[in-house]
Amino acid sequence: MSVAVRVIPCLDVDAGRVVKGVNFRDLRDAGDPVELAAQYYREGADEVTFLDISASVEARATTYDVVRRTAETVFIPLTVGGGVRSVEDVDTLLRSGADKVGVNTAAIADPDVIDRIVERFGNQVLVLSVDARREPDQPSGFGVTTHGGRRSAGLDALAWVREAAQRGVGEILLNSMDADGTEDGFDIEMIRAVRAIVDLPLIASGGAGKVQDFVEAACAGADAVLAASVFHFGQLSIAQVKDALAEAGFVVRKERV
């Protein structure tokens, strides 16, 4: 039996509110994260992802509260990322109600943190978030970035994904920083390149604007498709995306009633 392609709304949370911009700039308010998560749950989302984009010490308590309140009302997997630096951070988020935790910058700074998290909690809880962009100087043509795509990490994206997979991450969230928020479509070449080197579940992120974009990402090898703006501002619904995927021959989970 084929595994269903998951449709995942992403909530970029800043100081307790959902925001969205283009390439992580010019942010505008998109609503209350708990209310939005509950809405997407009712509409048939397969998972919800929270990314704490402020990730400051001051905002951390707010994030934990948002996660707790969401977990009480939304009964699908909840992934939380942003500012996760240690085993202790993962422990606190899991205890707050997260099902999976995303790491990005901390893993780049200290790849051994992947090993420590996997050893403590198992790989099923760990998602490697890769903010990648086109960098001609890198062997694969794709480089890893930090700080919302504004800084190059000096790493080849494919080499980093391969290393993280060997260290035991359970899933890859591949976000194209060039496409993020543009609604011009996913970076299909990047998705195919990552799919060719790892068998891990792969979430495509960055650039969705129309239903066909989601279909193309799935055709390129994505196991899940993630988007923010098109869902938050009513341009597309979860049901429309699932209908398009189903019409293209992919298995999807039916909408809840």
Protein backbone atom coordinates (compact mmCIF):
# COMPACT_ATOMS: atom_id res chain seq x y z
CA MET A 1 0.00 0.00 0.00
CA SER A 2 1.31 3.46 -0.92
CA VAL A 3 2.03 5.92 1.85
CA ALA A 4 -0.20 8.99 1.76
CA VAL A 5 1.35 12.29 0.76
CA ARG A 6 1.00 14.57 3.77
CA VAL A 7 -0.23 18.15 3.52
CA ILE A 8 1.23 20.34 6.25
CA PRO A 9 0.41 23.97 7.03
CA CYS A 10 3.35 25.83 8.57
CA LEU A 11 2.85 28.48 11.23
CA ASP A 12 5.77 30.90 11.61
CA VAL A 13 5.27 32.15 15.17
CA ASP A 14 6.72 35.44 16.40
CA ALA A 15 5.92 36.48 19.99
CA GLY A 16 2.80 34.34 20.05
CA ARG A 17 1.37 35.36 16.66
CA VAL A 18 1.53 33.76 13.24
CA VAL A 19 3.35 35.93 10.70
CA LYS A 20 4.38 35.50 7.09
CA GLY A 21 6.49 37.43 4.62
CA VAL A 22 8.73 36.88 1.62
CA ASN A 23 12.15 35.36 2.30
CA PHE A 24 11.45 35.92 6.02
CA ARG A 25 11.15 39.70 5.49
CA ASP A 26 8.23 42.17 5.45
CA LEU A 27 6.28 40.07 7.93
CA ARG A 28 2.53 40.53 8.30
CA ASP A 29 0.19 39.16 10.92
CA ALA A 30 -1.71 36.00 9.97
CA GLY A 31 -3.59 35.23 13.17
CA ASP A 32 -3.56 33.29 16.41
CA PRO A 33 -1.52 30.07 16.13
CA VAL A 34 -3.83 27.95 18.28
CA GLU A 35 -6.92 29.04 16.36
CA LEU A 36 -5.23 28.50 13.00
CA ALA A 37 -3.94 25.07 13.99
CA ALA A 38 -7.44 24.06 15.10
CA GLN A 39 -8.89 25.34 11.81
CA TYR A 40 -6.37 23.35 9.78
CA TYR A 41 -7.05 20.26 11.87
CA ARG A 42 -10.76 20.53 11.07
CA GLU A 43 -9.96 21.04 7.38
CA GLY A 44 -7.96 17.81 7.20
CA ALA A 45 -4.32 18.80 7.61
CA ASP A 46 -2.14 15.76 8.25
CA GLU A 47 0.27 17.59 10.54
CA VAL A 48 1.00 21.11 11.77
CA THR A 49 4.45 22.67 11.95
CA PHE A 50 5.31 25.59 14.23
CA LEU A 51 8.50 27.53 13.59
CA ASP A 52 9.45 30.00 16.33
CA ILE A 53 11.15 32.61 14.16
CA SER A 54 12.05 34.97 17.01
CA ALA A 55 13.49 32.11 19.10
CA SER A 56 14.63 34.49 21.82
CA VAL A 57 14.91 33.60 25.47
CA GLU A 58 12.09 36.04 26.22
CA ALA A 59 9.76 34.42 23.69
CA ARG A 60 10.48 30.87 24.79
CA ALA A 61 7.80 30.73 27.50
CA THR A 62 5.25 32.02 24.99
CA THR A 63 6.20 29.28 22.56
CA TYR A 64 5.82 26.56 25.17
CA ASP A 65 2.37 27.93 26.08
CA VAL A 66 1.31 27.97 22.42
CA VAL A 67 2.48 24.37 21.99
CA ARG A 68 0.63 23.24 25.12
CA ARG A 69 -2.63 24.90 24.12
CA THR A 70 -2.40 23.55 20.58
CA ALA A 71 -1.68 19.99 21.73
CA GLU A 72 -4.84 20.12 23.83
CA THR A 73 -7.05 20.86 20.82
CA VAL A 74 -5.29 19.42 17.76
CA PHE A 75 -4.94 15.65 17.46
CA ILE A 76 -2.48 15.33 14.61
CA PRO A 77 1.33 15.35 14.77
CA LEU A 78 2.78 18.69 15.84
CA THR A 79 6.35 19.60 14.89
CA VAL A 80 8.04 22.54 16.58
CA GLY A 81 11.29 24.17 15.51
CA GLY A 82 13.23 27.38 15.95
CA GLY A 83 15.91 28.00 18.54
CA VAL A 84 16.22 24.34 19.54
CA ARG A 85 19.79 24.01 20.77
CA SER A 86 19.99 21.07 23.13
CA VAL A 87 18.60 17.78 24.38
CA GLU A 88 16.97 19.78 27.18
CA ASP A 89 15.12 21.99 24.68
CA VAL A 90 13.79 18.91 22.93
CA ASP A 91 12.71 17.39 26.24
CA THR A 92 10.80 20.54 27.22
CA LEU A 93 9.03 20.77 23.86
CA LEU A 94 8.03 17.10 23.94
CA ARG A 95 6.71 17.52 27.46
CA SER A 96 4.78 20.58 26.27
CA GLY A 97 2.98 18.49 23.66
CA ALA A 98 5.16 18.49 20.54
CA ASP A 99 5.39 15.17 18.68
CA LYS A 100 8.49 16.07 16.69
CA VAL A 101 11.15 18.74 17.03
CA GLY A 102 13.05 20.50 14.26
CA VAL A 103 16.71 21.49 14.51
CA ASN A 104 18.64 23.74 12.17
CA THR A 105 21.31 26.20 13.29
CA ALA A 106 22.29 24.25 16.41
CA ALA A 107 23.00 21.15 14.34
CA ILE A 108 25.13 23.15 11.93
CA ALA A 109 27.14 24.58 14.82
CA ASP A 110 27.46 21.20 16.56
CA PRO A 111 26.46 18.18 14.46
CA ASP A 112 26.91 15.94 17.49
CA VAL A 113 23.68 17.38 18.88
CA ILE A 114 21.89 15.17 16.34
CA ASP A 115 23.52 12.10 17.85
CA ARG A 116 22.63 13.17 21.38
CA ILE A 117 18.98 13.84 20.56
CA VAL A 118 18.57 10.57 18.64
CA GLU A 119 20.23 8.60 21.42
CA ARG A 120 17.91 10.12 24.03
CA PHE A 121 14.58 10.19 22.19
CA GLY A 122 14.90 8.11 19.01
CA ASN A 123 15.05 9.37 15.45
CA GLN A 124 11.25 9.52 15.06
CA VAL A 125 11.16 12.82 16.95
CA LEU A 126 13.94 14.60 15.06
CA VAL A 127 13.40 16.66 11.92
CA LEU A 128 16.38 18.33 10.26
CA SER A 129 15.30 21.70 8.90
CA VAL A 130 17.47 22.70 5.94
CA ASP A 131 17.19 26.29 4.73
CA ALA A 132 18.91 25.93 1.36
CA ARG A 133 19.52 28.24 -1.54
CA ARG A 134 21.35 28.12 -4.82
CA GLU A 135 25.08 28.69 -4.30
CA PRO A 136 27.13 28.07 -7.47
CA ASP A 137 30.34 27.76 -5.46
CA GLN A 138 29.08 24.63 -3.68
CA PRO A 139 29.72 21.24 -5.38
CA SER A 140 26.00 20.48 -5.70
CA GLY A 141 25.03 24.05 -6.53
CA PHE A 142 22.98 24.27 -3.32
CA GLY A 143 24.22 25.73 -0.04
CA VAL A 144 22.91 25.77 3.52
CA THR A 145 21.93 29.08 5.13
CA THR A 146 21.15 30.35 8.61
CA HIS A 147 19.44 33.46 10.03
CA GLY A 148 16.43 33.25 7.73
CA GLY A 149 18.51 32.69 4.63
CA ARG A 150 20.62 35.77 5.14
CA ARG A 151 23.87 34.02 6.03
CA SER A 152 25.64 31.22 4.25
CA ALA A 153 26.74 28.39 6.51
CA GLY A 154 29.51 27.50 4.07
CA LEU A 155 28.08 23.99 3.71
CA ASP A 156 27.03 22.09 0.63
CA ALA A 157 23.35 21.27 1.14
CA LEU A 158 23.52 17.73 -0.20
CA ALA A 159 26.63 16.89 1.80
CA TRP A 160 24.93 18.21 4.94
CA VAL A 161 21.74 16.22 4.33
CA ARG A 162 23.79 13.07 3.76
CA GLU A 163 25.76 13.57 6.99
CA ALA A 164 22.62 14.27 9.01
CA ALA A 165 20.97 11.14 7.61
CA GLN A 166 23.98 9.08 8.61
CA ARG A 167 23.79 10.56 12.10
CA GLY A 168 20.20 9.39 12.42
CA VAL A 169 17.73 12.24 11.77
CA GLY A 170 14.26 10.91 11.11
CA GLU A 171 13.02 13.39 8.53
CA ILE A 172 14.20 16.24 6.30
CA LEU A 173 12.34 19.55 6.02
CA LEU A 174 13.80 21.10 2.88
CA ASN A 175 13.02 24.78 2.57
CA SER A 176 14.09 26.73 -0.52
CA MET A 177 15.08 30.18 0.70
CA ASP A 178 15.08 31.49 -2.87
CA ALA A 179 11.45 30.47 -3.30
CA ASP A 180 10.16 31.10 0.24
CA GLY A 181 7.02 33.22 0.20
CA THR A 182 7.27 33.97 -3.54
CA GLU A 183 4.41 31.62 -4.56
CA ASP A 184 6.35 30.85 -7.76
CA GLY A 185 6.54 27.12 -7.08
CA PHE A 186 8.80 24.73 -5.17
CA ASP A 187 12.42 24.28 -6.22
CA ILE A 188 11.87 21.01 -8.04
CA GLU A 189 15.52 20.54 -8.95
CA MET A 190 16.51 20.82 -5.29
CA ILE A 191 13.84 18.33 -4.19
CA ARG A 192 14.99 15.81 -6.81
CA ALA A 193 18.63 16.25 -5.81
CA VAL A 194 17.91 15.53 -2.13
CA ARG A 195 15.55 12.67 -2.97
CA ALA A 196 18.32 11.02 -4.98
CA ILE A 197 20.67 10.75 -2.00
CA VAL A 198 18.44 9.87 0.98
CA ASP A 199 15.50 7.57 1.61
CA LEU A 200 14.25 9.54 4.62
CA PRO A 201 10.81 11.16 4.59
CA LEU A 202 11.22 14.45 2.74
CA ILE A 203 9.05 17.52 3.32
CA ALA A 204 9.11 20.11 0.53
CA SER A 205 8.79 23.74 1.61
CA GLY A 206 9.07 27.17 0.04
CA GLY A 207 7.28 28.66 -2.95
CA ALA A 208 3.82 27.06 -3.14
CA GLY A 209 1.35 29.25 -5.01
CA LYS A 210 -1.10 26.96 -6.81
CA VAL A 211 -2.30 23.38 -6.44
CA GLN A 212 -0.15 22.15 -9.31
CA ASP A 213 2.96 23.22 -7.39
CA PHE A 214 2.15 20.65 -4.70
CA VAL A 215 1.64 17.95 -7.31
CA GLU A 216 4.98 18.74 -8.95
CA ALA A 217 6.75 18.55 -5.58
CA ALA A 218 5.24 15.12 -4.92
CA CYS A 219 6.22 13.97 -8.40
CA ALA A 220 9.78 15.10 -7.66
CA GLY A 221 9.91 12.81 -4.63
CA ALA A 222 8.50 14.78 -1.70
CA ASP A 223 6.66 12.65 0.86
CA ALA A 224 4.97 15.74 2.29
CA VAL A 225 4.25 19.25 1.08
CA LEU A 226 4.31 22.25 3.38
CA ALA A 227 3.02 25.77 2.86
CA ALA A 228 2.07 28.86 4.82
CA SER A 229 0.84 31.98 3.01
CA VAL A 230 -1.52 30.28 0.56
CA PHE A 231 -3.32 28.62 3.47
CA HIS A 232 -3.21 31.52 5.95
CA PHE A 233 -4.66 34.08 3.55
CA GLY A 234 -7.29 31.84 1.97
CA GLN A 235 -5.78 31.43 -1.49
CA LEU A 236 -5.91 27.64 -1.25
CA SER A 237 -7.48 25.13 1.11
CA ILE A 238 -6.15 21.84 2.42
CA ALA A 239 -8.97 20.08 0.55
CA GLN A 240 -8.05 21.69 -2.78
CA VAL A 241 -4.44 20.54 -2.45
CA LYS A 242 -5.49 17.01 -1.50
CA ASP A 243 -7.96 16.85 -4.38
CA ALA A 244 -5.23 17.85 -6.83
CA LEU A 245 -2.84 15.26 -5.41
CA ALA A 246 -5.51 12.56 -5.57
CA GLU A 247 -6.38 13.46 -9.16
CA ALA A 248 -2.67 13.09 -10.00
CA GLY A 249 -2.72 9.56 -8.61
CA PHE A 250 -1.27 10.10 -5.15
CA VAL A 251 -2.76 8.61 -2.02
CA VAL A 252 -4.05 11.21 0.45
CA ARG A 253 -5.90 10.97 3.74
CA LYS A 254 -9.50 12.05 3.55
CA GLU A 255 -10.74 15.30 5.07
CA ARG A 256 -12.17 15.07 8.58
CA VAL A 257 -15.86 15.58 9.17
